Each structure stands twice: as C-alpha cells, then as structure tokens.
C-alpha atoms as a PDB file:
ATOM      1  CA  UNK A   1      51.450 -24.518  26.222  1.00  0.00           C
ATOM      2  CA  UNK A   2      53.607 -27.613  26.679  1.00  0.00           C
ATOM      3  CA  UNK A   3      55.465 -26.965  23.427  1.00  0.00           C
ATOM      4  CA  UNK A   4      56.129 -23.360  24.404  1.00  0.00           C
ATOM      5  CA  UNK A   5      57.399 -24.413  27.826  1.00  0.00           C
ATOM      6  CA  UNK A   6      59.663 -27.089  26.302  1.00  0.00           C
ATOM      7  CA  UNK A   7      61.095 -24.591  23.802  1.00  0.00           C
ATOM      8  CA  UNK A   8      61.610 -22.040  26.552  1.00  0.00           C
ATOM      9  CA  UNK A   9      63.462 -24.557  28.717  1.00  0.00           C
ATOM     10  CA  UNK A  10      65.619 -25.658  25.759  1.00  0.00           C
ATOM     11  CA  UNK A  11      66.656 -22.056  25.091  1.00  0.00           C
ATOM     12  CA  UNK A  12      67.474 -21.534  28.763  1.00  0.00           C
ATOM     13  CA  UNK A  13      69.565 -24.711  28.884  1.00  0.00           C
ATOM     14  CA  UNK A  14      71.436 -23.674  25.735  1.00  0.00           C
ATOM     15  CA  UNK A  15      72.113 -20.313  27.318  1.00  0.00           C
ATOM     16  CA  UNK A  16      73.267 -22.056  30.498  1.00  0.00           C
ATOM     17  CA  UNK A  17      75.725 -24.246  28.606  1.00  0.00           C
ATOM     18  CA  UNK A  18      77.265 -21.337  26.713  1.00  0.00           C
ATOM     19  CA  UNK A  19      77.433 -18.861  29.570  1.00  0.00           C
ATOM     20  CA  UNK A  20      78.785 -20.946  32.417  1.00  0.00           C
ATOM     21  CA  UNK A  21      82.083 -19.077  32.684  1.00  0.00           C
ATOM     22  CA  UNK A  22      82.805 -15.385  32.405  1.00  0.00           C
ATOM     23  CA  UNK A  23      85.844 -13.172  32.822  1.00  0.00           C
ATOM     24  CA  UNK A  24      85.847 -10.472  35.489  1.00  0.00           C
ATOM     25  CA  UNK A  25      87.570  -7.048  35.296  1.00  0.00           C
ATOM     26  CA  UNK A  26      90.898  -8.460  36.529  1.00  0.00           C
ATOM     27  CA  UNK A  27      90.987 -11.173  33.868  1.00  0.00           C
ATOM     28  CA  UNK A  28      90.132 -14.026  36.212  1.00  0.00           C
ATOM     29  CA  UNK A  29      87.704 -16.711  35.077  1.00  0.00           C
ATOM     30  CA  UNK A  30      84.557 -16.676  37.190  1.00  0.00           C
ATOM     31  CA  UNK A  31      82.184 -19.647  37.271  1.00  0.00           C
ATOM     32  CA  UNK A  32      78.640 -18.277  37.083  1.00  0.00           C
ATOM     33  CA  UNK A  33      76.900 -21.647  36.846  1.00  0.00           C
ATOM     34  CA  UNK A  34      75.433 -21.344  40.346  1.00  0.00           C
ATOM     35  CA  UNK A  35      73.942 -17.937  39.611  1.00  0.00           C
ATOM     36  CA  UNK A  36      72.504 -19.159  36.330  1.00  0.00           C
ATOM     37  CA  UNK A  37      70.960 -22.232  37.915  1.00  0.00           C
ATOM     38  CA  UNK A  38      69.426 -20.048  40.614  1.00  0.00           C
ATOM     39  CA  UNK A  39      67.963 -17.668  37.998  1.00  0.00           C
ATOM     40  CA  UNK A  40      66.561 -20.500  35.883  1.00  0.00           C
ATOM     41  CA  UNK A  41      65.161 -22.158  39.008  1.00  0.00           C
ATOM     42  CA  UNK A  42      63.382 -18.983  40.093  1.00  0.00           C
ATOM     43  CA  UNK A  43      61.970 -18.551  36.595  1.00  0.00           C
ATOM     44  CA  UNK A  44      60.656 -22.127  36.580  1.00  0.00           C
ATOM     45  CA  UNK A  45      59.084 -21.621  40.017  1.00  0.00           C
ATOM     46  CA  UNK A  46      57.386 -18.408  38.847  1.00  0.00           C
ATOM     47  CA  UNK A  47      55.971 -20.160  35.753  1.00  0.00           C
ATOM     48  CA  UNK A  48      54.649 -23.029  37.885  1.00  0.00           C
ATOM     49  CA  UNK A  49      53.055 -20.641  40.400  1.00  0.00           C
ATOM     50  CA  UNK A  50      51.464 -18.689  37.556  1.00  0.00           C
ATOM     51  CA  UNK A  51      50.073 -21.910  36.063  1.00  0.00           C
ATOM     52  CA  UNK A  52      48.654 -23.303  39.308  1.00  0.00           C
ATOM     53  CA  UNK A  53      47.275 -19.982  40.573  1.00  0.00           C
ATOM     54  CA  UNK A  54      45.744 -18.580  37.372  1.00  0.00           C
ATOM     55  CA  UNK A  55      45.573 -20.867  34.351  1.00  0.00           C
ATOM     56  CA  UNK A  56      44.481 -24.140  35.973  1.00  0.00           C
ATOM     57  CA  UNK A  57      41.571 -22.676  38.018  1.00  0.00           C
ATOM     58  CA  UNK A  58      40.340 -20.763  34.965  1.00  0.00           C
ATOM     59  CA  UNK A  59      40.288 -23.930  32.852  1.00  0.00           C
ATOM     60  CA  UNK A  60      38.423 -25.761  35.624  1.00  0.00           C
ATOM     61  CA  UNK A  61      35.810 -22.975  35.801  1.00  0.00           C
ATOM     62  CA  UNK A  62      35.362 -23.047  32.012  1.00  0.00           C
ATOM     63  CA  UNK A  63      34.775 -26.814  32.087  1.00  0.00           C
ATOM     64  CA  UNK A  64      32.181 -26.489  34.877  1.00  0.00           C
ATOM     65  CA  UNK A  65      30.339 -23.728  32.995  1.00  0.00           C
ATOM     66  CA  UNK A  66      30.329 -25.742  29.760  1.00  0.00           C
ATOM     67  CA  UNK A  67      28.990 -28.785  31.630  1.00  0.00           C
ATOM     68  CA  UNK A  68      26.238 -26.692  33.254  1.00  0.00           C
ATOM     69  CA  UNK A  69      25.184 -25.283  29.865  1.00  0.00           C
ATOM     70  CA  UNK A  70      25.182 -28.750  28.270  1.00  0.00           C
ATOM     71  CA  UNK A  71      22.963 -30.132  31.053  1.00  0.00           C
ATOM     72  CA  UNK A  72      20.440 -27.291  30.753  1.00  0.00           C
ATOM     73  CA  UNK A  73      16.922 -28.689  30.220  1.00  0.00           C
ATOM     74  CA  UNK A  74      13.434 -27.206  29.778  1.00  0.00           C
ATOM     75  CA  UNK A  75      11.849 -26.562  33.174  1.00  0.00           C
ATOM     76  CA  UNK A  76      15.088 -25.443  34.876  1.00  0.00           C
ATOM     77  CA  UNK A  77      14.974 -22.149  36.750  1.00  0.00           C
ATOM     78  CA  UNK A  78      17.994 -20.051  35.749  1.00  0.00           C
ATOM     79  CA  UNK A  79      19.531 -16.666  36.395  1.00  0.00           C
ATOM     80  CA  UNK A  80      21.274 -14.691  33.684  1.00  0.00           C
ATOM     81  CA  UNK A  81      24.337 -12.468  33.782  1.00  0.00           C
ATOM     82  CA  UNK A  82      21.912  -9.520  33.562  1.00  0.00           C
ATOM     83  CA  UNK A  83      20.045 -10.597  36.706  1.00  0.00           C
ATOM     84  CA  UNK A  84      16.935 -11.972  35.003  1.00  0.00           C
ATOM     85  CA  UNK A  85      15.461 -15.075  36.607  1.00  0.00           C
ATOM     86  CA  UNK A  86      13.248 -17.322  34.539  1.00  0.00           C
ATOM     87  CA  UNK A  87      12.182 -20.828  33.619  1.00  0.00           C
ATOM     88  CA  UNK A  88      13.672 -22.444  30.506  1.00  0.00           C
ATOM     89  CA  UNK A  89      11.044 -23.278  27.899  1.00  0.00           C
ATOM     90  CA  UNK A  90      13.129 -24.277  24.883  1.00  0.00           C
ATOM     91  CA  UNK A  91      16.797 -24.677  24.004  1.00  0.00           C
ATOM     92  CA  UNK A  92      17.904 -24.333  20.399  1.00  0.00           C
ATOM     93  CA  UNK A  93      21.611 -24.379  19.484  1.00  0.00           C
ATOM     94  CA  UNK A  94      23.057 -21.341  21.269  1.00  0.00           C
ATOM     95  CA  UNK A  95      19.739 -19.657  22.140  1.00  0.00           C
ATOM     96  CA  UNK A  96      17.460 -20.237  25.151  1.00  0.00           C
ATOM     97  CA  UNK A  97      13.805 -19.238  25.422  1.00  0.00           C
ATOM     98  CA  UNK A  98      12.822 -18.391  29.009  1.00  0.00           C
ATOM     99  CA  UNK A  99       9.637 -17.306  30.720  1.00  0.00           C
ATOM    100  CA  UNK A 100       9.829 -14.697  33.480  1.00  0.00           C
ATOM    101  CA  UNK A 101       7.499 -13.026  35.935  1.00  0.00           C
ATOM    102  CA  UNK A 102       3.860 -13.442  36.839  1.00  0.00           C
ATOM    103  CA  UNK A 103       2.728 -12.108  33.449  1.00  0.00           C
ATOM    104  CA  UNK A 104       4.692 -14.939  31.764  1.00  0.00           C
ATOM    105  CA  UNK A 105       6.878 -12.747  29.588  1.00  0.00           C
ATOM    106  CA  UNK A 106       9.008 -14.755  27.194  1.00  0.00           C
ATOM    107  CA  UNK A 107      12.570 -13.757  26.391  1.00  0.00           C
ATOM    108  CA  UNK A 108      15.062 -15.269  24.016  1.00  0.00           C
ATOM    109  CA  UNK A 109      18.616 -15.051  25.362  1.00  0.00           C
ATOM    110  CA  UNK A 110      22.018 -16.305  24.283  1.00  0.00           C
ATOM    111  CA  UNK A 111      23.092 -19.519  25.964  1.00  0.00           C
ATOM    112  CA  UNK A 112      26.360 -17.950  27.175  1.00  0.00           C
ATOM    113  CA  UNK A 113      24.308 -15.416  29.178  1.00  0.00           C
ATOM    114  CA  UNK A 114      23.108 -18.104  31.612  1.00  0.00           C
ATOM    115  CA  UNK A 115      24.986 -17.547  34.870  1.00  0.00           C
ATOM    116  CA  UNK A 116      23.714 -20.486  36.888  1.00  0.00           C
ATOM    117  CA  UNK A 117      20.881 -22.941  37.319  1.00  0.00           C
ATOM    118  CA  UNK A 118      18.908 -21.925  40.398  1.00  0.00           C
ATOM    119  CA  UNK A 119      16.677 -24.992  40.452  1.00  0.00           C
ATOM    120  CA  UNK A 120      16.703 -28.136  38.298  1.00  0.00           C
ATOM    121  CA  UNK A 121      13.473 -29.305  36.655  1.00  0.00           C
ATOM    122  CA  UNK A 122      11.624 -32.122  38.376  1.00  0.00           C
ATOM    123  CA  UNK A 123      11.843 -35.196  36.146  1.00  0.00           C
END
C-alpha cells in the first residue's frame, strides 16, 4: 500500500511540474498551479479519509479475530457464525470439536466459523 501511494504521489507531482502553465483561448499564459495543488490536495484528503474510515478499522478487526482464535482453549463456550453455541472439546489445526445441547452432541466445525467466545474456561 505504501509503495502504491508513493508511486501515485510521484506521478501526480510529475504531472504538476509539467502542467503548471496553460494557454487560454486568447493566447494568454494562465498559471494553473493553484488549481492543480487544490486538486491534488483534495485527492490526498480523500485517500486519507478512505484509509482511516475503512482500511484501518478492518485491519484492527482482523487482528482481534485472529487473536481470539489463537487464544481458544478447550472448555471455552463459543458461538458460531451459524448460531450454534457449544463448549470446545478439542482444537486441531483449523478444526474445532465442540459439544452442544443437553444430549451432548458433538460437532466438528472450521475454526474460522467461531464468531466469539461467550465464556472462557475456568483454569
């Protein structure tokens, strides 16, 4: 992302240096540097707003979810994206074995399907 942004800014600056003056219909030289700076400034502001409003919060959420999945331990009560609530019995790679309901039904689910930990296991 940083490399793309740096390349984008370099192209804009090159464009700014080459297009600072133009000729109007009457043949007079018109300095368009102010307009160009304003356009580039607005573009930079839009990119920054986009980053801080969308990309940064999404990355933060992904880190929190990854941390929650890494800290998952047998005995934790979890809920899945499908609405199933159960107790973790075993964790193996990217699969989780849970036990649900009064009849102690066991289900094997993908680790990514864990939405949140409802209650941590008592150590």
